[in-house]
Amino acid sequence: MATTKKNDFVSIDFIGKNLQSNEIFDTNITEEAKKIKLELSGKPLIACIGHGMVVKGFDEALEGKEVGKKYLIKITPEKAFGPRHSNLVKLIPLKIFIEQKVYPQPGMTLALDNNLVKVVSVSGGRVMVDFNNPLAGKDIEYEFTITKIIDDSKEKVNAIQRFFFGQEFEFDVDETNKKIIFKDIKLTPVLNAFKDKFNELVGMDVEILAKNEKKEESKEQQTEKLESK
């Protein structure tokens, strides 16, 4: 049976559980996702072991595991979603929300300053919001199975794209020259920022080629132009 090692790309089926409430907070298993009304992307979870693509304690647990075997691990906050910080609980004037036509209620989760925050209370024209991750300070548990070790370069590149960009851009792989060739010149600033990471994870250089959007005129179109002159 194959055993995982650092730098392997692995496909994982998992269930993440909050041990304080004994509730599932994340999963990519269809039957379990339905129970918590979680909509799945349909994409597998693929992570490169040892590179922080999942929480630290989970990442560490992926190494030295047998493919196809089910494992259960418990993780403390320090290696999960971190401790809770009291300075991340803040009072914000209610009028700021009202101006944005948002009417906060205790227990609501809102997007604020590029963060998801939880509304703790609303009183006296002020809203108490918690910027801590909802799982900060919590012990968690992962039940997981590594379904396979990924060898295909395109699968690896797409896994990196989903992790860093949240989507997959069009590309080709030149295995001979060890290059990942992206096809949209507009991606250049983003790809330049991550090209060292791509090289580190898959051992290939990033190259960006502009699509040739100018189509050659057909002979019929050229004839029509000449006849119209």
Protein backbone atom coordinates (compact mmCIF):
# COMPACT_ATOMS: atom_id res chain seq x y z
CA MET A 1 0.00 0.00 0.00
CA ALA A 2 1.33 3.45 -0.97
CA THR A 3 2.32 5.76 1.88
CA THR A 4 2.35 9.55 1.66
CA LYS A 5 5.36 11.81 2.15
CA LYS A 6 6.05 15.53 2.26
CA ASN A 7 5.53 17.34 -1.08
CA ASP A 8 3.09 14.70 -2.33
CA PHE A 9 -0.13 16.03 -3.85
CA VAL A 10 -2.98 14.00 -2.37
CA SER A 11 -6.72 13.84 -2.92
CA ILE A 12 -8.61 13.75 0.39
CA ASP A 13 -12.13 12.90 1.54
CA PHE A 14 -12.74 14.50 4.92
CA ILE A 15 -15.18 15.52 7.65
CA GLY A 16 -14.23 18.40 9.97
CA LYS A 17 -16.01 18.56 13.31
CA ASN A 18 -16.14 21.18 16.08
CA LEU A 19 -15.54 19.15 19.24
CA GLN A 20 -17.17 21.76 21.48
CA SER A 21 -20.54 21.49 19.74
CA ASN A 22 -19.93 18.10 18.10
CA GLU A 23 -21.14 19.66 14.84
CA ILE A 24 -19.65 19.22 11.36
CA PHE A 25 -18.22 22.53 10.12
CA ASP A 26 -16.78 21.36 6.80
CA THR A 27 -16.74 18.31 4.54
CA ASN A 28 -16.44 17.29 0.91
CA ILE A 29 -18.48 14.11 1.31
CA THR A 30 -21.86 14.53 -0.39
CA GLU A 31 -24.00 12.70 2.18
CA GLU A 32 -22.49 14.64 5.09
CA ALA A 33 -22.69 17.97 3.25
CA LYS A 34 -26.44 17.53 2.75
CA LYS A 35 -26.89 17.20 6.51
CA ILE A 36 -25.45 20.68 7.11
CA LYS A 37 -26.86 22.18 3.87
CA LEU A 38 -23.39 22.76 2.50
CA GLU A 39 -23.15 23.21 -1.26
CA LEU A 40 -20.13 21.44 -2.68
CA SER A 41 -18.09 22.69 -5.64
CA GLY A 42 -17.76 19.23 -7.13
CA LYS A 43 -13.98 19.59 -7.12
CA PRO A 44 -11.86 17.22 -5.00
CA LEU A 45 -9.75 18.55 -2.14
CA ILE A 46 -6.18 18.20 -3.37
CA ALA A 47 -3.39 19.45 -1.11
CA CYS A 48 0.39 19.38 -1.32
CA ILE A 49 1.62 17.96 1.98
CA GLY A 50 3.73 20.31 4.07
CA HIS A 51 2.75 23.55 2.32
CA GLY A 52 -0.11 24.88 4.42
CA MET A 53 -2.92 24.13 2.00
CA VAL A 54 -5.00 22.89 4.95
CA VAL A 55 -4.80 23.89 8.63
CA LYS A 56 -1.45 23.11 10.24
CA GLY A 57 -2.48 20.13 12.37
CA PHE A 58 -4.29 18.52 9.44
CA ASP A 59 -1.33 19.21 7.14
CA GLU A 60 1.07 17.51 9.56
CA ALA A 61 -1.23 14.50 9.86
CA LEU A 62 -1.27 13.84 6.11
CA GLU A 63 2.35 12.71 6.02
CA GLY A 64 3.15 8.99 6.41
CA LYS A 65 -0.42 7.81 5.84
CA GLU A 66 -1.63 4.85 3.80
CA VAL A 67 -3.79 5.54 0.75
CA GLY A 68 -7.35 4.27 1.23
CA LYS A 69 -7.18 3.99 5.03
CA LYS A 70 -9.49 6.05 7.26
CA TYR A 71 -7.89 8.19 10.00
CA LEU A 72 -9.23 10.29 12.88
CA ILE A 73 -7.20 13.13 14.39
CA LYS A 74 -7.91 15.75 17.07
CA ILE A 75 -6.32 19.20 16.75
CA THR A 76 -5.92 21.91 19.39
CA PRO A 77 -6.60 25.57 18.51
CA GLU A 78 -2.88 26.36 18.16
CA LYS A 79 -2.68 24.05 15.14
CA ALA A 80 -6.22 24.64 13.94
CA PHE A 81 -7.83 28.08 13.65
CA GLY A 82 -5.83 29.79 16.36
CA PRO A 83 -6.80 31.17 19.79
CA ARG A 84 -9.56 33.71 20.31
CA HIS A 85 -8.43 37.33 20.68
CA SER A 86 -10.56 39.70 22.74
CA ASN A 87 -9.28 42.70 20.77
CA LEU A 88 -11.04 41.31 17.69
CA VAL A 89 -14.44 41.84 19.35
CA LYS A 90 -15.39 45.42 18.47
CA LEU A 91 -18.22 47.93 18.88
CA ILE A 92 -19.32 49.62 15.65
CA PRO A 93 -21.98 52.36 15.34
CA LEU A 94 -25.28 50.96 14.07
CA LYS A 95 -25.62 53.83 11.59
CA ILE A 96 -22.67 52.50 9.57
CA PHE A 97 -24.67 49.35 8.86
CA ILE A 98 -27.93 51.23 8.24
CA GLU A 99 -26.19 53.46 5.68
CA GLN A 100 -25.34 50.29 3.75
CA LYS A 101 -28.94 49.07 4.14
CA VAL A 102 -27.80 46.27 6.42
CA TYR A 103 -29.87 45.57 9.52
CA PRO A 104 -27.75 43.44 11.88
CA GLN A 105 -29.29 40.94 14.30
CA PRO A 106 -27.50 38.84 16.95
CA GLY A 107 -26.15 35.63 15.45
CA MET A 108 -25.93 36.97 11.88
CA THR A 109 -22.73 36.53 9.88
CA LEU A 110 -21.81 39.53 7.74
CA ALA A 111 -19.01 40.52 5.36
CA LEU A 112 -17.17 43.51 6.83
CA ASP A 113 -13.75 44.91 5.83
CA ASN A 114 -13.09 41.81 3.71
CA ASN A 115 -13.77 39.59 6.73
CA LEU A 116 -16.66 37.44 7.82
CA VAL A 117 -17.81 38.71 11.20
CA LYS A 118 -20.43 37.49 13.63
CA VAL A 119 -22.92 39.90 15.19
CA VAL A 120 -22.83 39.34 18.96
CA SER A 121 -25.33 41.98 20.09
CA VAL A 122 -27.16 45.12 18.98
CA SER A 123 -28.03 47.76 21.60
CA GLY A 124 -27.87 51.50 22.26
CA GLY A 125 -27.09 52.33 18.66
CA ARG A 126 -24.02 50.11 18.67
CA VAL A 127 -23.28 46.69 17.23
CA MET A 128 -20.85 44.29 18.85
CA VAL A 129 -19.14 42.21 16.17
CA ASP A 130 -16.62 39.39 16.47
CA PHE A 131 -13.81 39.32 13.88
CA ASN A 132 -12.42 36.05 15.25
CA ASN A 133 -12.73 32.99 13.07
CA PRO A 134 -15.86 31.13 14.30
CA LEU A 135 -13.61 28.16 15.12
CA ALA A 136 -10.93 30.21 16.92
CA GLY A 137 -10.22 28.74 20.34
CA LYS A 138 -11.98 25.48 19.49
CA ASP A 139 -10.62 21.93 19.51
CA ILE A 140 -11.50 20.28 16.22
CA GLU A 141 -11.42 16.82 14.71
CA TYR A 142 -10.84 15.56 11.19
CA GLU A 143 -11.90 12.17 9.92
CA PHE A 144 -10.16 11.66 6.60
CA THR A 145 -9.13 9.23 3.91
CA ILE A 146 -6.41 9.90 1.34
CA THR A 147 -8.01 8.51 -1.80
CA LYS A 148 -4.97 8.79 -4.07
CA ILE A 149 -1.58 10.38 -4.62
CA ILE A 150 -1.72 12.75 -7.59
CA ASP A 151 0.89 12.29 -10.33
CA ASP A 152 -0.75 14.24 -13.17
CA SER A 153 0.85 17.70 -13.60
CA LYS A 154 -2.38 19.35 -14.77
CA GLU A 155 -4.25 18.15 -11.69
CA LYS A 156 -1.47 19.58 -9.51
CA VAL A 157 -1.54 22.96 -11.28
CA ASN A 158 -5.33 23.16 -10.99
CA ALA A 159 -5.11 22.34 -7.27
CA ILE A 160 -2.67 25.22 -6.80
CA GLN A 161 -4.93 27.54 -8.79
CA ARG A 162 -7.98 26.65 -6.71
CA PHE A 163 -6.03 27.25 -3.50
CA PHE A 164 -4.47 30.60 -4.44
CA PHE A 165 -6.97 32.01 -6.96
CA GLY A 166 -10.25 30.26 -6.16
CA GLN A 167 -10.64 29.31 -9.83
CA GLU A 168 -8.87 27.61 -12.71
CA PHE A 169 -7.39 29.54 -15.65
CA GLU A 170 -6.61 27.97 -19.01
CA PHE A 171 -3.09 26.58 -19.43
CA ASP A 172 -0.96 23.89 -21.06
CA VAL A 173 1.88 21.88 -19.57
CA ASP A 174 5.17 21.42 -21.43
CA GLU A 175 6.62 18.40 -19.63
CA THR A 176 9.76 18.38 -21.79
CA ASN A 177 10.81 21.94 -20.95
CA LYS A 178 9.21 21.93 -17.50
CA LYS A 179 6.86 24.85 -18.19
CA ILE A 180 3.30 25.78 -17.28
CA ILE A 181 2.01 27.92 -20.14
CA PHE A 182 -0.95 30.17 -19.30
CA LYS A 183 -2.94 31.62 -22.17
CA ASP A 184 -4.20 34.96 -20.92
CA ILE A 185 -1.78 37.89 -20.85
CA LYS A 186 -4.04 39.71 -18.36
CA LEU A 187 -2.99 37.20 -15.70
CA THR A 188 0.65 38.30 -15.86
CA PRO A 189 0.74 40.37 -12.60
CA VAL A 190 -0.96 37.63 -10.58
CA LEU A 191 1.09 34.80 -12.05
CA ASN A 192 4.34 36.69 -11.59
CA ALA A 193 3.51 37.00 -7.90
CA PHE A 194 3.06 33.24 -7.58
CA LYS A 195 5.53 31.86 -10.13
CA ASP A 196 8.07 30.94 -7.44
CA LYS A 197 5.36 29.01 -5.58
CA PHE A 198 4.41 27.08 -8.72
CA ASN A 199 8.08 26.22 -9.24
CA GLU A 200 8.47 25.14 -5.63
CA LEU A 201 5.41 22.88 -5.70
CA VAL A 202 5.58 21.32 -9.16
CA GLY A 203 9.15 22.09 -10.32
CA MET A 204 8.04 24.03 -13.39
CA ASP A 205 8.42 27.59 -14.61
CA VAL A 206 5.43 29.77 -15.42
CA GLU A 207 5.13 31.28 -18.89
CA ILE A 208 2.33 33.54 -20.15
CA LEU A 209 1.40 33.63 -23.82
CA ALA A 210 -1.18 36.02 -25.22
CA LYS A 211 -4.01 34.49 -27.19
CA ASN A 212 -3.90 35.36 -30.87
CA GLU A 213 -7.29 36.99 -31.12
CA LYS A 214 -6.78 38.49 -34.57
CA LYS A 215 -8.31 36.12 -37.10
CA GLU A 216 -6.97 35.92 -40.62
CA GLU A 217 -9.42 36.98 -43.27
CA SER A 218 -10.72 34.25 -45.51
CA LYS A 219 -10.10 34.39 -49.25
CA GLU A 220 -13.80 35.14 -49.75
CA GLN A 221 -13.58 38.18 -47.42
CA GLN A 222 -10.48 39.45 -49.22
CA THR A 223 -12.22 39.09 -52.61
CA GLU A 224 -15.29 40.97 -51.33
CA LYS A 225 -13.07 43.84 -50.16
CA LEU A 226 -11.32 44.08 -53.54
CA GLU A 227 -14.63 44.03 -55.46
CA SER A 228 -16.08 46.81 -53.26
CA LYS A 229 -13.19 49.17 -54.08
